[in-house]
Amino acid sequence: MKSRRSRAAHSTRKLDEMKVAAIVLACLVASAAIATPQPIFPFSSGEYEFKLIDAEYEQEVAYPAHVTIEGTHIKVVVISSGGPFHRGQLIADGTIWWHQSGQWIVASSPEDFDAEEVGGCSGGPFTIDVQRRAIWFC
């Protein structure tokens, strides 16, 4: 009789432990989904005019660019000659990605997705300023 109670108690404890583990796992999955929301890029597929802004200078130096977006793919081409660019020059061709830094980037290589630094003169991928319709480069 004692062994039946012992087995029943053991089974109940195991069941309770499994329930707790399931609840903890569900909470972790839910919190991970809440903690890292992937924003939606505000431009749909199409053609746009953006500015290329040189982060190297204090005073804004900008050049007009033609941007083509197809889903998550972006292509950036200089509209007219000026500064370091010539007309029709391809500046960026890659994937639009929400970077862990809280900025949109143009990822043109696998390393760009997890780059420690982005934008400006960091040597990392270009950043996209959606409010200003600008792409920062150096």
Protein backbone atom coordinates (compact mmCIF):
# COMPACT_ATOMS: atom_id res chain seq x y z
CA MET A 1 0.00 0.00 0.00
CA LYS A 2 2.78 2.35 0.87
CA SER A 3 4.45 1.81 -2.51
CA ARG A 4 1.21 2.68 -4.36
CA ARG A 5 0.95 5.99 -2.49
CA SER A 6 4.61 6.66 -3.10
CA ARG A 7 4.21 6.01 -6.85
CA ALA A 8 1.07 8.14 -7.01
CA ALA A 9 2.78 11.00 -5.18
CA HIS A 10 5.79 10.72 -7.47
CA SER A 11 3.55 10.77 -10.57
CA THR A 12 1.69 13.82 -9.26
CA ARG A 13 4.96 15.65 -8.59
CA LYS A 14 6.24 14.82 -12.08
CA LEU A 15 2.99 16.07 -13.62
CA ASP A 16 3.21 19.30 -11.57
CA GLU A 17 6.83 19.81 -12.65
CA MET A 18 5.86 19.33 -16.30
CA LYS A 19 3.02 21.87 -15.96
CA VAL A 20 5.37 24.41 -14.41
CA ALA A 21 7.93 23.83 -17.16
CA ALA A 22 5.25 24.28 -19.83
CA ILE A 23 4.05 27.54 -18.24
CA VAL A 24 7.60 28.89 -17.97
CA LEU A 25 8.30 27.99 -21.60
CA ALA A 26 5.08 29.68 -22.75
CA CYS A 27 5.99 32.84 -20.81
CA LEU A 28 9.49 32.92 -22.29
CA VAL A 29 8.18 32.53 -25.83
CA ALA A 30 5.56 35.26 -25.27
CA SER A 31 8.06 37.68 -23.72
CA ALA A 32 10.55 37.13 -26.55
CA ALA A 33 7.86 37.91 -29.10
CA ILE A 34 6.89 41.08 -27.22
CA ALA A 35 10.47 42.21 -26.56
CA THR A 36 11.65 42.10 -30.18
CA PRO A 37 8.91 43.39 -32.43
CA GLN A 38 9.95 43.62 -36.07
CA PRO A 39 8.69 46.98 -37.39
CA ILE A 40 7.14 47.16 -40.82
CA PHE A 41 9.11 49.18 -43.37
CA PRO A 42 6.89 52.19 -44.20
CA PHE A 43 7.50 52.20 -47.96
CA SER A 44 5.75 49.68 -50.17
CA SER A 45 7.24 48.33 -53.39
CA GLY A 46 7.78 51.13 -55.88
CA GLU A 47 10.12 53.88 -56.99
CA TYR A 48 11.05 56.86 -54.81
CA GLU A 49 13.41 59.80 -54.66
CA PHE A 50 15.68 59.87 -51.59
CA LYS A 51 18.71 61.92 -50.57
CA LEU A 52 22.15 60.46 -50.06
CA ILE A 53 23.62 62.30 -47.07
CA ASP A 54 27.34 62.29 -46.39
CA ALA A 55 27.86 61.72 -42.65
CA GLU A 56 31.46 62.87 -42.88
CA TYR A 57 30.55 66.57 -42.85
CA GLU A 58 28.97 68.70 -40.11
CA GLN A 59 26.99 70.70 -42.64
CA GLU A 60 24.60 68.44 -44.55
CA VAL A 61 25.85 67.50 -48.00
CA ALA A 62 23.13 65.65 -49.90
CA TYR A 63 22.81 64.14 -53.36
CA PRO A 64 19.55 63.03 -55.05
CA ALA A 65 19.07 59.30 -55.57
CA HIS A 66 16.52 57.05 -57.22
CA VAL A 67 15.38 54.25 -54.90
CA THR A 68 13.62 51.11 -56.12
CA ILE A 69 11.96 48.91 -53.50
CA GLU A 70 10.68 45.42 -54.30
CA GLY A 71 9.46 43.75 -51.11
CA THR A 72 12.51 43.71 -48.84
CA HIS A 73 14.98 44.44 -51.66
CA ILE A 74 16.31 47.98 -52.18
CA LYS A 75 18.39 49.44 -54.98
CA VAL A 76 19.83 52.98 -54.77
CA VAL A 77 21.10 54.79 -57.89
CA VAL A 78 22.50 58.35 -58.12
CA ILE A 79 20.29 60.67 -60.19
CA SER A 80 22.85 63.28 -61.26
CA SER A 81 26.61 63.77 -61.17
CA GLY A 82 28.02 65.66 -58.23
CA GLY A 83 30.48 65.30 -55.41
CA PRO A 84 31.93 61.79 -55.35
CA PHE A 85 29.21 60.34 -57.62
CA HIS A 86 28.47 60.05 -61.32
CA ARG A 87 25.00 59.86 -62.84
CA GLY A 88 23.59 56.33 -62.80
CA GLN A 89 26.07 55.04 -60.21
CA LEU A 90 24.73 52.14 -58.14
CA ILE A 91 25.28 53.05 -54.48
CA ALA A 92 23.46 50.25 -52.68
CA ASP A 93 21.81 46.99 -53.63
CA GLY A 94 20.63 44.80 -50.77
CA THR A 95 18.02 43.84 -48.22
CA ILE A 96 16.04 46.29 -46.10
CA TRP A 97 16.55 45.13 -42.52
CA TRP A 98 15.57 46.39 -39.05
CA HIS A 99 18.89 46.35 -37.24
CA GLN A 100 19.31 45.66 -33.50
CA SER A 101 20.47 49.30 -33.16
CA GLY A 102 16.90 50.43 -33.85
CA GLN A 103 17.61 51.64 -37.38
CA TRP A 104 16.72 50.49 -40.87
CA ILE A 105 19.78 49.38 -42.84
CA VAL A 106 20.69 48.23 -46.33
CA ALA A 107 22.22 44.80 -45.72
CA SER A 108 24.37 43.87 -48.70
CA SER A 109 26.30 41.01 -47.09
CA PRO A 110 25.52 38.38 -44.41
CA GLU A 111 27.74 40.24 -41.93
CA ASP A 112 25.59 43.39 -42.20
CA PHE A 113 22.61 41.80 -40.44
CA ASP A 114 24.53 41.57 -37.13
CA ALA A 115 27.02 44.42 -37.66
CA GLU A 116 28.12 46.04 -34.40
CA GLU A 117 28.09 49.51 -35.96
CA VAL A 118 25.91 50.87 -38.75
CA GLY A 119 25.63 54.11 -40.69
CA GLY A 120 27.77 57.18 -40.72
CA CYS A 121 31.47 56.49 -41.14
CA SER A 122 31.42 53.27 -39.13
CA GLY A 123 32.33 51.04 -42.05
CA GLY A 124 29.06 49.18 -41.46
CA PRO A 125 25.98 49.11 -43.68
CA PHE A 126 24.18 52.27 -44.82
CA THR A 127 21.26 53.42 -42.67
CA ILE A 128 17.87 54.50 -44.00
CA ASP A 129 16.20 57.53 -42.40
CA VAL A 130 12.57 56.95 -43.39
CA GLN A 131 11.29 60.28 -41.99
CA ARG A 132 13.73 62.28 -44.13
CA ARG A 133 13.81 59.87 -47.08
CA ALA A 134 17.56 59.75 -46.70
CA ILE A 135 20.32 57.18 -46.86
CA TRP A 136 23.42 57.95 -44.82
CA PHE A 137 26.83 57.08 -46.23
CA CYS A 138 30.47 58.06 -45.71
